[in-house]
Amino acid sequence: MNLSEQEARARIRVDLQLVADFIEPDCRVLDVGAGDGTLLEYLVHFKAVDGRGIELSSNGVSNCVSRGLSVIQGDAETDLKDYPSGSFDYVVLSQTLQTIHDTKGVLADLLRIGRRAIVSFPNFGHWQLRWHLMWSGRTPQSKALPYKWYDTPNIRICTIVDFLALCRELHIDVERSMAIDAAGHPRRFRSGGWVNNWLAQQAIFLLST
């Protein structure tokens, strides 16, 4: 069944829709942590990108390959170093930053490999998470962070303000940024990030150096 672009957009998560909107047609894209290939498949079919992917999970790689996508199994923390500098227009790291050990090293590799990087992550500064921790004394959960403390793949507690501070430290330029609230509504923000740090469940950044 061939879907229209509108139908295809309706089938993917809001954060992936926004990531796709950051990417120009007919360019080269590397999707790091490609998952089941949902984003990459959309980009290939509706933005005519030359898309490649890397995914840690063997099940994820199998799903990607079954969609006809060029995705290999690999670990972002070790295998990105093998990619030549400037080999892609965009490198995407979607909902994976919080699972990375060497955050600075991976960000450096993203921006070495690509002219721009797109990074998205769940915002641990959201007001509902703060409220839950304050009143229950227990590790909070949300739609964006559904895991319990003992089975979560997330090893980094990162807020929007934290990430913006790291970008300043590493002299990374934030070209565009979007916040997504608990209802799935996106909003653009330009600087500071304090209001969005309170209201956003997720954040997406377009980065360059």
N, C-alpha and C. Protein backbone atom coordinates (compact mmCIF):
# COMPACT_ATOMS: atom_id res chain seq x y z
N MET A 1 0.85 -1.19 0.00
CA MET A 1 0.00 0.00 0.00
C MET A 1 0.89 1.25 0.00
N ASN A 2 0.66 2.13 -0.94
CA ASN A 2 1.41 3.37 -1.02
C ASN A 2 0.67 4.47 -0.26
N LEU A 3 1.34 5.04 0.74
CA LEU A 3 0.75 6.09 1.55
C LEU A 3 1.11 7.45 0.97
N SER A 4 0.21 8.42 1.11
CA SER A 4 0.54 9.80 0.80
C SER A 4 1.45 10.33 1.90
N GLU A 5 2.11 11.46 1.63
CA GLU A 5 2.99 12.04 2.64
C GLU A 5 2.21 12.41 3.90
N GLN A 6 1.01 12.93 3.73
CA GLN A 6 0.18 13.31 4.88
C GLN A 6 -0.16 12.08 5.72
N GLU A 7 -0.51 10.97 5.08
CA GLU A 7 -0.84 9.75 5.79
C GLU A 7 0.40 9.19 6.51
N ALA A 8 1.55 9.28 5.85
CA ALA A 8 2.78 8.79 6.45
C ALA A 8 3.16 9.62 7.67
N ARG A 9 2.99 10.93 7.60
CA ARG A 9 3.29 11.80 8.74
C ARG A 9 2.40 11.46 9.93
N ALA A 10 1.14 11.16 9.64
CA ALA A 10 0.20 10.86 10.72
C ALA A 10 0.57 9.58 11.46
N ARG A 11 1.37 8.73 10.83
CA ARG A 11 1.72 7.45 11.42
C ARG A 11 3.00 7.49 12.25
N ILE A 12 3.74 8.59 12.18
CA ILE A 12 4.98 8.67 12.94
C ILE A 12 4.83 9.66 14.09
N ARG A 13 5.68 9.51 15.10
CA ARG A 13 5.60 10.34 16.30
C ARG A 13 5.83 11.81 15.95
N VAL A 14 5.29 12.68 16.80
CA VAL A 14 5.41 14.12 16.57
C VAL A 14 6.88 14.54 16.53
N ASP A 15 7.70 14.00 17.42
CA ASP A 15 9.11 14.39 17.45
C ASP A 15 9.81 14.01 16.14
N LEU A 16 9.44 12.86 15.56
CA LEU A 16 10.05 12.46 14.29
C LEU A 16 9.56 13.34 13.14
N GLN A 17 8.31 13.78 13.20
CA GLN A 17 7.81 14.71 12.21
C GLN A 17 8.64 16.00 12.22
N LEU A 18 8.93 16.49 13.41
CA LEU A 18 9.69 17.74 13.54
C LEU A 18 11.14 17.56 13.08
N VAL A 19 11.73 16.41 13.43
CA VAL A 19 13.09 16.13 12.95
C VAL A 19 13.10 16.14 11.43
N ALA A 20 12.12 15.49 10.82
CA ALA A 20 12.04 15.45 9.35
C ALA A 20 11.90 16.85 8.77
N ASP A 21 11.18 17.73 9.45
CA ASP A 21 10.99 19.10 8.97
C ASP A 21 12.29 19.90 8.99
N PHE A 22 13.24 19.51 9.83
CA PHE A 22 14.53 20.19 9.89
C PHE A 22 15.43 19.84 8.70
N ILE A 23 15.10 18.79 7.98
CA ILE A 23 15.99 18.23 6.96
C ILE A 23 15.54 18.64 5.56
N GLU A 24 16.47 19.16 4.79
CA GLU A 24 16.19 19.58 3.42
C GLU A 24 16.11 18.35 2.50
N PRO A 25 15.30 18.42 1.44
CA PRO A 25 15.23 17.31 0.49
C PRO A 25 16.55 17.10 -0.25
N ASP A 26 16.71 15.90 -0.81
CA ASP A 26 17.84 15.58 -1.70
C ASP A 26 19.19 15.80 -1.03
N CYS A 27 19.31 15.37 0.21
CA CYS A 27 20.58 15.51 0.90
C CYS A 27 21.03 14.16 1.45
N ARG A 28 22.17 14.14 2.10
CA ARG A 28 22.72 12.90 2.67
C ARG A 28 22.46 12.91 4.18
N VAL A 29 21.86 11.82 4.68
CA VAL A 29 21.47 11.75 6.09
C VAL A 29 21.97 10.46 6.71
N LEU A 30 22.56 10.57 7.90
CA LEU A 30 22.91 9.41 8.72
C LEU A 30 22.04 9.44 9.97
N ASP A 31 21.26 8.37 10.16
CA ASP A 31 20.39 8.25 11.34
C ASP A 31 21.08 7.35 12.35
N VAL A 32 21.53 7.95 13.43
CA VAL A 32 22.26 7.22 14.48
C VAL A 32 21.26 6.76 15.54
N GLY A 33 21.16 5.45 15.73
CA GLY A 33 20.10 4.92 16.56
C GLY A 33 18.81 4.89 15.76
N ALA A 34 18.86 4.24 14.60
CA ALA A 34 17.76 4.29 13.64
C ALA A 34 16.50 3.58 14.11
N GLY A 35 16.59 2.78 15.17
CA GLY A 35 15.41 2.08 15.68
C GLY A 35 14.86 1.12 14.64
N ASP A 36 13.55 1.20 14.41
CA ASP A 36 12.92 0.32 13.42
C ASP A 36 12.89 0.93 12.03
N GLY A 37 13.51 2.09 11.86
CA GLY A 37 13.63 2.71 10.54
C GLY A 37 12.50 3.64 10.16
N THR A 38 11.60 3.96 11.10
CA THR A 38 10.44 4.79 10.78
C THR A 38 10.84 6.15 10.19
N LEU A 39 11.75 6.83 10.86
CA LEU A 39 12.18 8.15 10.38
C LEU A 39 12.91 8.04 9.06
N LEU A 40 13.86 7.13 8.97
CA LEU A 40 14.67 7.01 7.76
C LEU A 40 13.81 6.64 6.56
N GLU A 41 12.84 5.75 6.76
CA GLU A 41 11.94 5.38 5.67
C GLU A 41 11.16 6.59 5.17
N TYR A 42 10.67 7.41 6.09
CA TYR A 42 9.93 8.62 5.70
C TYR A 42 10.83 9.55 4.90
N LEU A 43 12.06 9.76 5.37
CA LEU A 43 12.97 10.67 4.69
C LEU A 43 13.34 10.18 3.30
N VAL A 44 13.54 8.89 3.16
CA VAL A 44 13.90 8.32 1.86
C VAL A 44 12.75 8.47 0.86
N HIS A 45 11.54 8.18 1.31
CA HIS A 45 10.41 8.16 0.39
C HIS A 45 9.84 9.54 0.09
N PHE A 46 9.85 10.44 1.08
CA PHE A 46 9.17 11.71 0.90
C PHE A 46 10.10 12.93 0.82
N LYS A 47 11.39 12.73 1.15
CA LYS A 47 12.33 13.84 0.99
C LYS A 47 13.49 13.46 0.06
N ALA A 48 13.41 12.27 -0.50
CA ALA A 48 14.39 11.81 -1.49
C ALA A 48 15.83 11.93 -0.99
N VAL A 49 16.04 11.64 0.29
CA VAL A 49 17.39 11.72 0.84
C VAL A 49 18.17 10.45 0.50
N ASP A 50 19.48 10.60 0.49
CA ASP A 50 20.38 9.45 0.44
C ASP A 50 20.61 9.06 1.89
N GLY A 51 19.82 8.11 2.39
CA GLY A 51 19.78 7.83 3.82
C GLY A 51 20.55 6.58 4.19
N ARG A 52 21.30 6.68 5.30
CA ARG A 52 22.01 5.56 5.89
C ARG A 52 21.68 5.54 7.38
N GLY A 53 21.90 4.40 8.02
CA GLY A 53 21.61 4.32 9.45
C GLY A 53 22.54 3.39 10.18
N ILE A 54 22.63 3.58 11.49
CA ILE A 54 23.37 2.71 12.38
C ILE A 54 22.48 2.44 13.58
N GLU A 55 22.38 1.18 13.98
CA GLU A 55 21.47 0.78 15.06
C GLU A 55 22.12 -0.32 15.89
N LEU A 56 22.02 -0.18 17.21
CA LEU A 56 22.65 -1.14 18.12
C LEU A 56 21.90 -2.47 18.16
N SER A 57 20.58 -2.42 18.13
CA SER A 57 19.75 -3.61 18.27
C SER A 57 19.69 -4.42 16.98
N SER A 58 19.90 -5.73 17.09
CA SER A 58 19.80 -6.59 15.90
C SER A 58 18.37 -6.64 15.38
N ASN A 59 17.38 -6.60 16.29
CA ASN A 59 15.98 -6.56 15.85
C ASN A 59 15.69 -5.29 15.08
N GLY A 60 16.24 -4.17 15.57
CA GLY A 60 16.05 -2.90 14.87
C GLY A 60 16.65 -2.95 13.48
N VAL A 61 17.85 -3.49 13.37
CA VAL A 61 18.51 -3.59 12.06
C VAL A 61 17.67 -4.45 11.12
N SER A 62 17.16 -5.58 11.63
CA SER A 62 16.33 -6.46 10.80
C SER A 62 15.08 -5.74 10.29
N ASN A 63 14.45 -4.96 11.18
CA ASN A 63 13.26 -4.20 10.77
C ASN A 63 13.61 -3.18 9.70
N CYS A 64 14.75 -2.52 9.86
CA CYS A 64 15.17 -1.53 8.87
C CYS A 64 15.43 -2.17 7.52
N VAL A 65 16.16 -3.27 7.54
CA VAL A 65 16.50 -3.96 6.29
C VAL A 65 15.24 -4.45 5.59
N SER A 66 14.26 -4.92 6.39
CA SER A 66 13.00 -5.39 5.79
C SER A 66 12.23 -4.26 5.12
N ARG A 67 12.52 -3.02 5.52
CA ARG A 67 11.91 -1.85 4.89
C ARG A 67 12.70 -1.39 3.66
N GLY A 68 13.79 -2.09 3.37
CA GLY A 68 14.62 -1.72 2.23
C GLY A 68 15.61 -0.62 2.53
N LEU A 69 15.94 -0.43 3.81
CA LEU A 69 16.83 0.66 4.22
C LEU A 69 18.26 0.18 4.39
N SER A 70 19.20 1.07 4.18
CA SER A 70 20.63 0.78 4.34
C SER A 70 21.05 1.10 5.77
N VAL A 71 20.91 0.12 6.64
CA VAL A 71 21.22 0.30 8.06
C VAL A 71 22.12 -0.84 8.52
N ILE A 72 23.19 -0.51 9.24
CA ILE A 72 24.11 -1.51 9.76
C ILE A 72 24.03 -1.55 11.28
N GLN A 73 24.46 -2.66 11.84
CA GLN A 73 24.49 -2.77 13.29
C GLN A 73 25.78 -2.17 13.81
N GLY A 74 25.67 -1.34 14.82
CA GLY A 74 26.86 -0.72 15.38
C GLY A 74 26.53 0.11 16.61
N ASP A 75 27.58 0.52 17.30
CA ASP A 75 27.48 1.30 18.54
C ASP A 75 27.97 2.71 18.25
N ALA A 76 27.11 3.69 18.51
CA ALA A 76 27.47 5.08 18.21
C ALA A 76 28.74 5.51 18.94
N GLU A 77 28.95 5.00 20.13
CA GLU A 77 30.08 5.46 20.93
C GLU A 77 31.43 4.97 20.41
N THR A 78 31.43 3.92 19.63
CA THR A 78 32.70 3.39 19.09
C THR A 78 32.78 3.48 17.57
N ASP A 79 31.66 3.31 16.88
CA ASP A 79 31.70 3.16 15.43
C ASP A 79 31.60 4.47 14.66
N LEU A 80 31.13 5.55 15.30
CA LEU A 80 31.07 6.83 14.57
C LEU A 80 32.45 7.32 14.19
N LYS A 81 33.46 6.91 14.94
CA LYS A 81 34.82 7.37 14.65
C LYS A 81 35.32 6.86 13.31
N ASP A 82 34.68 5.82 12.77
CA ASP A 82 35.10 5.25 11.49
C ASP A 82 34.53 6.00 10.29
N TYR A 83 33.58 6.89 10.52
CA TYR A 83 32.96 7.63 9.41
C TYR A 83 33.84 8.82 9.02
N PRO A 84 34.02 9.06 7.71
CA PRO A 84 34.84 10.20 7.28
C PRO A 84 34.20 11.54 7.65
N SER A 85 35.01 12.52 7.88
CA SER A 85 34.52 13.86 8.19
C SER A 85 33.78 14.44 6.98
N GLY A 86 32.66 15.12 7.26
CA GLY A 86 31.91 15.80 6.22
C GLY A 86 31.22 14.88 5.23
N SER A 87 30.94 13.64 5.64
CA SER A 87 30.37 12.68 4.69
C SER A 87 28.84 12.75 4.60
N PHE A 88 28.21 13.53 5.48
CA PHE A 88 26.76 13.68 5.45
C PHE A 88 26.38 15.15 5.63
N ASP A 89 25.18 15.48 5.14
CA ASP A 89 24.65 16.83 5.37
C ASP A 89 24.03 16.94 6.76
N TYR A 90 23.33 15.88 7.18
CA TYR A 90 22.71 15.85 8.50
C TYR A 90 23.01 14.52 9.18
N VAL A 91 23.32 14.58 10.47
CA VAL A 91 23.41 13.38 11.29
C VAL A 91 22.38 13.51 12.40
N VAL A 92 21.51 12.50 12.52
CA VAL A 92 20.40 12.55 13.46
C VAL A 92 20.68 11.63 14.64
N LEU A 93 20.49 12.16 15.85
CA LEU A 93 20.55 11.37 17.08
C LEU A 93 19.23 11.61 17.81
N SER A 94 18.26 10.72 17.57
CA SER A 94 16.90 10.93 18.06
C SER A 94 16.61 10.07 19.29
N GLN A 95 16.29 10.73 20.40
CA GLN A 95 15.89 10.06 21.64
C GLN A 95 16.94 9.05 22.10
N THR A 96 18.20 9.39 21.92
CA THR A 96 19.30 8.48 22.27
C THR A 96 20.34 9.14 23.16
N LEU A 97 20.38 10.47 23.18
CA LEU A 97 21.41 11.20 23.92
C LEU A 97 21.51 10.75 25.37
N GLN A 98 20.35 10.49 26.00
CA GLN A 98 20.32 10.15 27.42
C GLN A 98 20.88 8.77 27.72
N THR A 99 21.15 7.98 26.67
CA THR A 99 21.71 6.63 26.86
C THR A 99 23.21 6.58 26.60
N ILE A 100 23.80 7.73 26.22
CA ILE A 100 25.20 7.78 25.81
C ILE A 100 26.11 8.01 27.02
N HIS A 101 27.23 7.28 27.07
CA HIS A 101 28.22 7.50 28.13
C HIS A 101 29.09 8.72 27.81
N ASP A 102 29.72 8.72 26.63
CA ASP A 102 30.62 9.81 26.25
C ASP A 102 29.85 10.85 25.45
N THR A 103 29.08 11.67 26.15
CA THR A 103 28.21 12.65 25.49
C THR A 103 29.01 13.63 24.64
N LYS A 104 30.08 14.18 25.21
CA LYS A 104 30.87 15.17 24.46
C LYS A 104 31.50 14.55 23.23
N GLY A 105 32.02 13.34 23.36
CA GLY A 105 32.66 12.68 22.24
C GLY A 105 31.69 12.39 21.11
N VAL A 106 30.48 11.93 21.45
CA VAL A 106 29.49 11.62 20.43
C VAL A 106 29.02 12.89 19.73
N LEU A 107 28.78 13.96 20.49
CA LEU A 107 28.38 15.22 19.87
C LEU A 107 29.45 15.73 18.91
N ALA A 108 30.71 15.59 19.32
CA ALA A 108 31.81 16.01 18.44
C ALA A 108 31.82 15.20 17.16
N ASP A 109 31.58 13.89 17.26
CA ASP A 109 31.55 13.03 16.07
C ASP A 109 30.37 13.38 15.16
N LEU A 110 29.20 13.66 15.76
CA LEU A 110 28.05 14.03 14.94
C LEU A 110 28.36 15.24 14.07
N LEU A 111 28.99 16.24 14.67
CA LEU A 111 29.26 17.48 13.96
C LEU A 111 30.53 17.42 13.12
N ARG A 112 31.32 16.41 13.31
CA ARG A 112 32.46 16.16 12.41
C ARG A 112 31.98 15.44 11.15
N ILE A 113 31.10 14.46 11.33
CA ILE A 113 30.60 13.67 10.21
C ILE A 113 29.63 14.47 9.34
N GLY A 114 28.77 15.27 9.99
CA GLY A 114 27.75 16.00 9.26
C GLY A 114 27.95 17.51 9.31
N ARG A 115 27.43 18.19 8.30
CA ARG A 115 27.45 19.66 8.33
C ARG A 115 26.57 20.18 9.46
N ARG A 116 25.50 19.44 9.73
CA ARG A 116 24.61 19.77 10.84
C ARG A 116 24.23 18.49 11.56
N ALA A 117 23.88 18.64 12.83
CA ALA A 117 23.38 17.52 13.62
C ALA A 117 22.01 17.87 14.18
N ILE A 118 21.14 16.87 14.27
CA ILE A 118 19.83 17.05 14.88
C ILE A 118 19.76 16.12 16.08
N VAL A 119 19.54 16.70 17.25
CA VAL A 119 19.53 15.93 18.50
C VAL A 119 18.20 16.15 19.20
N SER A 120 17.57 15.05 19.61
CA SER A 120 16.34 15.16 20.41
C SER A 120 16.47 14.28 21.64
N PHE A 121 15.77 14.68 22.71
CA PHE A 121 15.85 13.91 23.96
C PHE A 121 14.66 14.27 24.85
N PRO A 122 14.31 13.37 25.79
CA PRO A 122 13.28 13.71 26.78
C PRO A 122 13.85 14.70 27.79
N ASN A 123 13.04 15.66 28.19
CA ASN A 123 13.48 16.72 29.09
C ASN A 123 13.18 16.34 30.54
N PHE A 124 14.24 16.09 31.31
CA PHE A 124 14.07 15.72 32.71
C PHE A 124 13.70 16.91 33.59
N GLY A 125 13.63 18.12 33.00
CA GLY A 125 13.25 19.30 33.77
C GLY A 125 11.77 19.61 33.73
N HIS A 126 10.96 18.76 33.05
CA HIS A 126 9.53 19.02 32.91
C HIS A 126 8.86 19.10 34.28
N TRP A 127 7.88 19.98 34.43
CA TRP A 127 7.30 20.27 35.75
C TRP A 127 6.64 19.04 36.38
N GLN A 128 6.06 18.15 35.57
CA GLN A 128 5.40 16.98 36.14
C GLN A 128 6.41 16.03 36.78
N LEU A 129 7.59 15.93 36.18
CA LEU A 129 8.64 15.09 36.76
C LEU A 129 9.13 15.69 38.07
N ARG A 130 9.29 17.00 38.10
CA ARG A 130 9.72 17.66 39.34
C ARG A 130 8.67 17.48 40.44
N TRP A 131 7.42 17.67 40.06
CA TRP A 131 6.33 17.55 41.03
C TRP A 131 6.25 16.13 41.59
N HIS A 132 6.34 15.14 40.71
CA HIS A 132 6.26 13.75 41.14
C HIS A 132 7.38 13.41 42.12
N LEU A 133 8.59 13.82 41.80
CA LEU A 133 9.72 13.53 42.67
C LEU A 133 9.58 14.23 44.01
N MET A 134 9.11 15.48 43.99
CA MET A 134 8.99 16.24 45.23
C MET A 134 7.94 15.63 46.17
N TRP A 135 6.80 15.20 45.60
CA TRP A 135 5.70 14.74 46.46
C TRP A 135 5.73 13.25 46.75
N SER A 136 6.25 12.45 45.85
CA SER A 136 6.26 11.01 46.10
C SER A 136 7.61 10.52 46.61
N GLY A 137 8.67 11.28 46.30
CA GLY A 137 10.00 10.83 46.67
C GLY A 137 10.51 9.67 45.83
N ARG A 138 9.80 9.37 44.74
CA ARG A 138 10.18 8.26 43.89
C ARG A 138 10.60 8.75 42.50
N THR A 139 11.43 7.96 41.85
CA THR A 139 11.88 8.32 40.51
C THR A 139 10.68 8.48 39.59
N PRO A 140 10.53 9.63 38.95
CA PRO A 140 9.32 9.89 38.14
C PRO A 140 9.32 9.15 36.82
N GLN A 141 8.11 8.94 36.30
CA GLN A 141 7.90 8.37 34.98
C GLN A 141 6.94 9.28 34.21
N SER A 142 7.00 9.20 32.90
CA SER A 142 6.09 9.96 32.04
C SER A 142 5.95 9.23 30.71
N LYS A 143 5.14 9.79 29.83
CA LYS A 143 4.98 9.20 28.50
C LYS A 143 6.32 9.17 27.77
N ALA A 144 7.10 10.22 27.93
CA ALA A 144 8.41 10.29 27.27
C ALA A 144 9.46 9.47 28.01
N LEU A 145 9.22 9.20 29.29
CA LEU A 145 10.15 8.44 30.12
C LEU A 145 9.38 7.34 30.85
N PRO A 146 9.03 6.27 30.13
CA PRO A 146 8.12 5.28 30.69
C PRO A 146 8.78 4.23 31.59
N TYR A 147 10.11 4.23 31.67
CA TYR A 147 10.79 3.15 32.38
C TYR A 147 10.81 3.37 33.89
N LYS A 148 10.94 2.27 34.62
CA LYS A 148 11.20 2.35 36.05
C LYS A 148 12.71 2.52 36.27
N TRP A 149 13.10 2.96 37.46
CA TRP A 149 14.49 3.29 37.69
C TRP A 149 15.43 2.10 37.49
N TYR A 150 14.93 0.89 37.72
CA TYR A 150 15.80 -0.29 37.68
C TYR A 150 15.89 -0.95 36.30
N ASP A 151 15.05 -0.54 35.34
CA ASP A 151 15.15 -1.14 34.01
C ASP A 151 15.31 -0.11 32.90
N THR A 152 15.62 1.13 33.27
CA THR A 152 15.73 2.19 32.28
C THR A 152 17.06 2.11 31.52
N PRO A 153 17.04 2.37 30.21
CA PRO A 153 18.30 2.48 29.46
C PRO A 153 18.94 3.86 29.62
N ASN A 154 18.22 4.79 30.27
CA ASN A 154 18.71 6.16 30.40
C ASN A 154 19.73 6.26 31.53
N ILE A 155 20.92 6.74 31.18
CA ILE A 155 21.97 6.87 32.18
C ILE A 155 22.31 8.33 32.47
N ARG A 156 21.71 9.26 31.72
CA ARG A 156 21.98 10.68 31.91
C ARG A 156 20.69 11.41 32.26
N ILE A 157 20.72 12.22 33.28
CA ILE A 157 19.60 13.09 33.63
C ILE A 157 19.88 14.44 32.97
N CYS A 158 19.20 14.72 31.87
CA CYS A 158 19.50 15.91 31.08
C CYS A 158 18.25 16.78 30.93
N THR A 159 18.41 18.07 31.18
CA THR A 159 17.34 19.02 30.95
C THR A 159 17.71 19.91 29.76
N ILE A 160 16.74 20.68 29.30
CA ILE A 160 16.99 21.60 28.20
C ILE A 160 18.08 22.61 28.58
N VAL A 161 18.00 23.14 29.78
CA VAL A 161 18.99 24.12 30.23
C VAL A 161 20.38 23.49 30.31
N ASP A 162 20.45 22.23 30.78
CA ASP A 162 21.73 21.52 30.79
C ASP A 162 22.32 21.43 29.39
N PHE A 163 21.48 21.05 28.43
CA PHE A 163 21.97 20.83 27.07
C PHE A 163 22.44 22.14 26.45
N LEU A 164 21.70 23.21 26.65
CA LEU A 164 22.11 24.50 26.11
C LEU A 164 23.44 24.95 26.72
N ALA A 165 23.63 24.68 28.02
CA ALA A 165 24.90 25.03 28.66
C ALA A 165 26.05 24.23 28.06
N LEU A 166 25.80 22.95 27.78
CA LEU A 166 26.84 22.12 27.16
C LEU A 166 27.18 22.62 25.77
N CYS A 167 26.18 23.02 25.01
CA CYS A 167 26.44 23.57 23.67
C CYS A 167 27.32 24.82 23.75
N ARG A 168 27.05 25.68 24.72
CA ARG A 168 27.89 26.87 24.89
C ARG A 168 29.32 26.48 25.25
N GLU A 169 29.45 25.50 26.12
CA GLU A 169 30.78 25.04 26.54
C GLU A 169 31.58 24.48 25.37
N LEU A 170 30.90 23.77 24.47
CA LEU A 170 31.57 23.13 23.34
C LEU A 170 31.58 24.01 22.09
N HIS A 171 31.09 25.25 22.21
CA HIS A 171 31.03 26.20 21.09
C HIS A 171 30.23 25.64 19.93
N ILE A 172 29.10 25.02 20.26
CA ILE A 172 28.17 24.48 19.27
C ILE A 172 27.05 25.50 19.08
N ASP A 173 26.75 25.81 17.82
CA ASP A 173 25.69 26.75 17.51
C ASP A 173 24.34 26.03 17.45
N VAL A 174 23.33 26.60 18.11
CA VAL A 174 21.97 26.09 18.04
C VAL A 174 21.24 26.91 16.98
N GLU A 175 21.00 26.33 15.81
CA GLU A 175 20.36 27.04 14.71
C GLU A 175 18.84 27.10 14.88
N ARG A 176 18.25 26.00 15.33
CA ARG A 176 16.80 25.95 15.58
C ARG A 176 16.55 25.03 16.76
N SER A 177 15.44 25.28 17.44
CA SER A 177 15.07 24.42 18.56
C SER A 177 13.55 24.38 18.69
N MET A 178 13.06 23.20 19.04
CA MET A 178 11.63 22.99 19.21
C MET A 178 11.38 22.26 20.53
N ALA A 179 10.28 22.62 21.17
CA ALA A 179 9.85 21.94 22.38
C ALA A 179 8.52 21.25 22.11
N ILE A 180 8.29 20.11 22.75
CA ILE A 180 7.01 19.39 22.63
C ILE A 180 6.44 19.23 24.03
N ASP A 181 5.19 19.70 24.23
CA ASP A 181 4.60 19.61 25.56
C ASP A 181 3.94 18.25 25.77
N ALA A 182 3.32 18.07 26.94
CA ALA A 182 2.74 16.78 27.31
C ALA A 182 1.60 16.37 26.39
N ALA A 183 0.94 17.33 25.76
CA ALA A 183 -0.16 17.04 24.84
C ALA A 183 0.32 16.78 23.42
N GLY A 184 1.65 16.84 23.20
CA GLY A 184 2.20 16.61 21.88
C GLY A 184 2.21 17.83 20.99
N HIS A 185 2.02 19.03 21.57
CA HIS A 185 2.01 20.26 20.80
C HIS A 185 3.42 20.84 20.72
N PRO A 186 3.91 21.11 19.50
CA PRO A 186 5.26 21.69 19.37
C PRO A 186 5.23 23.20 19.48
N ARG A 187 6.33 23.76 19.93
CA ARG A 187 6.49 25.21 19.94
C ARG A 187 7.96 25.51 19.76
N ARG A 188 8.24 26.58 19.03
CA ARG A 188 9.62 26.97 18.78
C ARG A 188 10.10 27.89 19.89
N PHE A 189 11.36 27.75 20.25
CA PHE A 189 11.93 28.73 21.19
C PHE A 189 13.31 29.12 20.70
N ARG A 190 13.72 30.32 21.06
CA ARG A 190 14.91 30.90 20.46
C ARG A 190 16.10 30.98 21.41
N SER A 191 15.91 31.26 22.67
CA SER A 191 17.06 31.43 23.56
C SER A 191 16.66 31.13 24.99
N GLY A 192 17.66 30.99 25.83
CA GLY A 192 17.43 30.80 27.26
C GLY A 192 16.92 29.41 27.59
N GLY A 193 15.70 29.11 27.22
CA GLY A 193 15.15 27.78 27.44
C GLY A 193 14.47 27.57 28.77
N TRP A 194 14.38 28.61 29.63
CA TRP A 194 13.87 28.41 30.98
C TRP A 194 12.39 28.03 30.98
N VAL A 195 11.59 28.71 30.20
CA VAL A 195 10.15 28.38 30.15
C VAL A 195 9.95 26.98 29.58
N ASN A 196 10.64 26.68 28.49
CA ASN A 196 10.51 25.37 27.88
C ASN A 196 11.09 24.27 28.76
N ASN A 197 12.09 24.60 29.56
CA ASN A 197 12.65 23.63 30.50
C ASN A 197 11.58 23.19 31.51
N TRP A 198 10.63 24.06 31.78
CA TRP A 198 9.55 23.79 32.71
C TRP A 198 8.39 23.06 32.04
N LEU A 199 8.09 23.44 30.77
CA LEU A 199 6.86 22.98 30.11
C LEU A 199 7.06 21.84 29.11
N ALA A 200 8.27 21.67 28.60
CA ALA A 200 8.48 20.70 27.51
C ALA A 200 8.78 19.31 28.04
N GLN A 201 8.12 18.30 27.45
CA GLN A 201 8.48 16.91 27.75
C GLN A 201 9.65 16.46 26.89
N GLN A 202 9.77 17.02 25.68
CA GLN A 202 10.85 16.66 24.77
C GLN A 202 11.39 17.92 24.11
N ALA A 203 12.62 17.82 23.63
CA ALA A 203 13.23 18.95 22.92
C ALA A 203 14.01 18.44 21.72
N ILE A 204 14.07 19.28 20.67
CA ILE A 204 14.77 18.94 19.44
C ILE A 204 15.65 20.13 19.05
N PHE A 205 16.90 19.86 18.69
CA PHE A 205 17.85 20.93 18.36
C PHE A 205 18.53 20.65 17.03
N LEU A 206 18.65 21.70 16.21
CA LEU A 206 19.44 21.66 15.00
C LEU A 206 20.76 22.37 15.30
N LEU A 207 21.86 21.64 15.17
CA LEU A 207 23.16 22.12 15.63
C LEU A 207 24.16 22.24 14.48
N SER A 208 25.11 23.14 14.66
CA SER A 208 26.23 23.26 13.72
C SER A 208 27.42 23.85 14.46
N THR A 209 28.56 23.90 13.80
CA THR A 209 29.73 24.51 14.42
C THR A 209 30.26 25.64 13.55
